[in-house]
C-alpha atoms as a PDB file:
ATOM      1  CA  UNK A   1     109.793 116.711 101.243  1.00  0.00           C
ATOM      2  CA  UNK A   2     108.629 116.672  97.608  1.00  0.00           C
ATOM      3  CA  UNK A   3     108.884 119.677  95.359  1.00  0.00           C
ATOM      4  CA  UNK A   4     107.365 120.128  91.916  1.00  0.00           C
ATOM      5  CA  UNK A   5     110.457 120.283  90.137  1.00  0.00           C
ATOM      6  CA  UNK A   6     111.383 116.535  91.450  1.00  0.00           C
ATOM      7  CA  UNK A   7     108.962 114.992  89.214  1.00  0.00           C
ATOM      8  CA  UNK A   8     110.272 116.094  85.915  1.00  0.00           C
ATOM      9  CA  UNK A   9     113.846 115.263  87.477  1.00  0.00           C
ATOM     10  CA  UNK A  10     113.094 112.103  88.279  1.00  0.00           C
ATOM     11  CA  UNK A  11     111.423 111.284  84.818  1.00  0.00           C
ATOM     12  CA  UNK A  12     114.845 112.267  83.163  1.00  0.00           C
ATOM     13  CA  UNK A  13     116.651 110.159  85.214  1.00  0.00           C
ATOM     14  CA  UNK A  14     114.793 106.952  84.874  1.00  0.00           C
ATOM     15  CA  UNK A  15     114.108 107.663  80.759  1.00  0.00           C
ATOM     16  CA  UNK A  16     115.649 104.677  78.990  1.00  0.00           C
ATOM     17  CA  UNK A  17     114.443 105.868  75.382  1.00  0.00           C
ATOM     18  CA  UNK A  18     117.518 108.206  73.853  1.00  0.00           C
ATOM     19  CA  UNK A  19     115.188 110.103  71.756  1.00  0.00           C
ATOM     20  CA  UNK A  20     112.883 111.106  74.700  1.00  0.00           C
ATOM     21  CA  UNK A  21     115.632 111.621  76.844  1.00  0.00           C
ATOM     22  CA  UNK A  22     117.058 115.048  75.653  1.00  0.00           C
ATOM     23  CA  UNK A  23     113.371 116.538  75.999  1.00  0.00           C
ATOM     24  CA  UNK A  24     113.264 115.150  79.612  1.00  0.00           C
ATOM     25  CA  UNK A  25     116.239 116.501  80.334  1.00  0.00           C
ATOM     26  CA  UNK A  26     115.251 120.090  79.125  1.00  0.00           C
ATOM     27  CA  UNK A  27     111.931 120.039  80.957  1.00  0.00           C
ATOM     28  CA  UNK A  28     113.633 119.220  84.336  1.00  0.00           C
ATOM     29  CA  UNK A  29     116.527 121.826  83.705  1.00  0.00           C
ATOM     30  CA  UNK A  30     113.513 124.367  83.201  1.00  0.00           C
ATOM     31  CA  UNK A  31     111.636 123.275  86.108  1.00  0.00           C
ATOM     32  CA  UNK A  32     114.558 123.646  88.328  1.00  0.00           C
ATOM     33  CA  UNK A  33     115.894 126.929  86.714  1.00  0.00           C
ATOM     34  CA  UNK A  34     112.443 128.501  87.449  1.00  0.00           C
ATOM     35  CA  UNK A  35     112.439 127.215  91.004  1.00  0.00           C
ATOM     36  CA  UNK A  36     115.821 128.715  91.349  1.00  0.00           C
ATOM     37  CA  UNK A  37     114.801 132.144  90.209  1.00  0.00           C
ATOM     38  CA  UNK A  38     111.721 131.757  92.513  1.00  0.00           C
ATOM     39  CA  UNK A  39     113.627 131.344  95.189  1.00  0.00           C
ATOM     40  CA  UNK A  40     115.930 133.990  94.445  1.00  0.00           C
ATOM     41  CA  UNK A  41     113.332 136.779  93.632  1.00  0.00           C
ATOM     42  CA  UNK A  42     111.399 135.959  97.037  1.00  0.00           C
ATOM     43  CA  UNK A  43     114.698 136.373  98.888  1.00  0.00           C
ATOM     44  CA  UNK A  44     113.561 132.911 100.963  1.00  0.00           C
ATOM     45  CA  UNK A  45     116.311 131.467 102.774  1.00  0.00           C
ATOM     46  CA  UNK A  46     115.952 127.886 101.749  1.00  0.00           C
ATOM     47  CA  UNK A  47     119.567 126.588 101.493  1.00  0.00           C
ATOM     48  CA  UNK A  48     118.494 122.712 101.894  1.00  0.00           C
ATOM     49  CA  UNK A  49     116.329 123.143  98.602  1.00  0.00           C
ATOM     50  CA  UNK A  50     118.917 125.353  96.957  1.00  0.00           C
ATOM     51  CA  UNK A  51     121.664 122.592  97.590  1.00  0.00           C
ATOM     52  CA  UNK A  52     119.163 120.058  96.203  1.00  0.00           C
ATOM     53  CA  UNK A  53     118.427 122.381  93.135  1.00  0.00           C
ATOM     54  CA  UNK A  54     122.203 122.637  92.101  1.00  0.00           C
ATOM     55  CA  UNK A  55     122.863 119.122  93.044  1.00  0.00           C
ATOM     56  CA  UNK A  56     119.959 118.049  90.363  1.00  0.00           C
ATOM     57  CA  UNK A  57     121.136 120.616  87.791  1.00  0.00           C
ATOM     58  CA  UNK A  58     124.649 118.771  88.315  1.00  0.00           C
ATOM     59  CA  UNK A  59     122.995 115.346  87.870  1.00  0.00           C
ATOM     60  CA  UNK A  60     121.335 116.631  84.896  1.00  0.00           C
ATOM     61  CA  UNK A  61     124.646 117.787  83.062  1.00  0.00           C
ATOM     62  CA  UNK A  62     126.542 114.357  83.863  1.00  0.00           C
ATOM     63  CA  UNK A  63     123.556 112.586  82.304  1.00  0.00           C
ATOM     64  CA  UNK A  64     123.182 115.001  79.427  1.00  0.00           C
ATOM     65  CA  UNK A  65     126.987 114.651  78.583  1.00  0.00           C
ATOM     66  CA  UNK A  66     126.775 110.966  78.873  1.00  0.00           C
ATOM     67  CA  UNK A  67     123.826 110.084  76.933  1.00  0.00           C
ATOM     68  CA  UNK A  68     123.086 113.281  74.935  1.00  0.00           C
ATOM     69  CA  UNK A  69     126.210 114.318  73.137  1.00  0.00           C
ATOM     70  CA  UNK A  70     124.836 117.632  71.565  1.00  0.00           C
ATOM     71  CA  UNK A  71     122.577 118.585  74.654  1.00  0.00           C
ATOM     72  CA  UNK A  72     123.979 121.691  76.243  1.00  0.00           C
ATOM     73  CA  UNK A  73     122.517 122.886  79.387  1.00  0.00           C
ATOM     74  CA  UNK A  74     122.503 126.471  80.704  1.00  0.00           C
ATOM     75  CA  UNK A  75     124.030 127.614  83.750  1.00  0.00           C
ATOM     76  CA  UNK A  76     121.712 128.679  86.533  1.00  0.00           C
ATOM     77  CA  UNK A  77     120.971 132.387  86.875  1.00  0.00           C
ATOM     78  CA  UNK A  78     123.472 134.828  88.317  1.00  0.00           C
ATOM     79  CA  UNK A  79     122.618 137.172  91.017  1.00  0.00           C
ATOM     80  CA  UNK A  80     123.691 139.883  88.630  1.00  0.00           C
ATOM     81  CA  UNK A  81     121.060 138.432  85.897  1.00  0.00           C
ATOM     82  CA  UNK A  82     118.287 138.552  89.070  1.00  0.00           C
ATOM     83  CA  UNK A  83     119.080 142.427  89.409  1.00  0.00           C
ATOM     84  CA  UNK A  84     118.440 143.332  85.590  1.00  0.00           C
END
Protein backbone atom coordinates (compact mmCIF):
# COMPACT_ATOMS: atom_id res chain seq x y z
CA UNK A 1 0.00 0.00 0.00
CA UNK A 2 1.23 3.50 -0.77
CA UNK A 3 0.76 6.37 1.65
CA UNK A 4 1.10 10.09 0.90
CA UNK A 5 4.04 10.49 3.32
CA UNK A 6 6.07 7.90 1.41
CA UNK A 7 6.75 10.15 -1.59
CA UNK A 8 8.65 12.87 0.33
CA UNK A 9 10.38 10.12 2.32
CA UNK A 10 11.60 8.41 -0.86
CA UNK A 11 12.66 11.75 -2.34
CA UNK A 12 14.83 12.39 0.72
CA UNK A 13 16.40 8.94 0.51
CA UNK A 14 17.47 9.36 -3.10
CA UNK A 15 18.56 13.01 -2.97
CA UNK A 16 22.20 13.25 -4.02
CA UNK A 17 22.72 17.00 -3.66
CA UNK A 18 23.77 17.87 -0.13
CA UNK A 19 22.37 21.39 -0.39
CA UNK A 20 18.86 20.02 -1.05
CA UNK A 21 19.00 17.01 1.24
CA UNK A 22 18.31 18.83 4.53
CA UNK A 23 15.14 20.41 3.15
CA UNK A 24 13.90 17.11 1.73
CA UNK A 25 14.52 15.42 5.08
CA UNK A 26 12.55 18.15 6.86
CA UNK A 27 9.70 17.87 4.36
CA UNK A 28 9.55 14.10 4.80
CA UNK A 29 9.74 14.40 8.58
CA UNK A 30 6.86 16.87 8.59
CA UNK A 31 4.68 14.60 6.44
CA UNK A 32 5.44 11.64 8.70
CA UNK A 33 4.78 13.58 11.91
CA UNK A 34 1.46 14.86 10.54
CA UNK A 35 0.37 11.34 9.66
CA UNK A 36 1.32 10.03 13.13
CA UNK A 37 -0.80 12.77 14.69
CA UNK A 38 -3.71 11.99 12.37
CA UNK A 39 -3.64 8.30 13.22
CA UNK A 40 -3.45 9.00 16.94
CA UNK A 41 -6.23 11.63 16.87
CA UNK A 42 -8.56 9.41 14.89
CA UNK A 43 -7.76 6.57 17.32
CA UNK A 44 -7.31 4.20 14.43
CA UNK A 45 -5.73 0.85 14.98
CA UNK A 46 -3.30 0.93 12.11
CA UNK A 47 -0.27 -0.72 13.65
CA UNK A 48 1.32 -1.66 10.33
CA UNK A 49 1.40 1.91 9.02
CA UNK A 50 2.39 3.28 12.44
CA UNK A 51 5.39 0.92 12.52
CA UNK A 52 6.31 2.00 8.97
CA UNK A 53 6.11 5.65 10.08
CA UNK A 54 8.44 5.09 13.03
CA UNK A 55 10.82 3.09 10.85
CA UNK A 56 10.85 5.92 8.32
CA UNK A 57 11.59 8.49 11.05
CA UNK A 58 14.49 6.36 12.24
CA UNK A 59 15.76 6.12 8.68
CA UNK A 60 15.61 9.90 8.32
CA UNK A 61 17.52 10.32 11.58
CA UNK A 62 20.29 8.03 10.35
CA UNK A 63 20.43 9.87 7.04
CA UNK A 64 20.45 13.29 8.72
CA UNK A 65 23.20 12.27 11.13
CA UNK A 66 25.36 10.84 8.36
CA UNK A 67 24.84 13.51 5.74
CA UNK A 68 23.61 16.69 7.46
CA UNK A 69 25.73 17.19 10.53
CA UNK A 70 23.74 20.18 11.81
CA UNK A 71 20.21 18.92 11.12
CA UNK A 72 18.24 17.86 14.21
CA UNK A 73 14.93 16.06 13.80
CA UNK A 74 12.15 16.35 16.34
CA UNK A 75 10.93 13.27 18.17
CA UNK A 76 7.47 11.93 17.32
CA UNK A 77 4.64 13.45 19.36
CA UNK A 78 3.86 11.65 22.60
CA UNK A 79 0.41 10.68 23.77
CA UNK A 80 0.51 13.40 26.43
CA UNK A 81 1.18 16.05 23.79
CA UNK A 82 -1.90 14.94 21.90
CA UNK A 83 -4.08 15.30 24.99
CA UNK A 84 -3.17 18.97 25.51
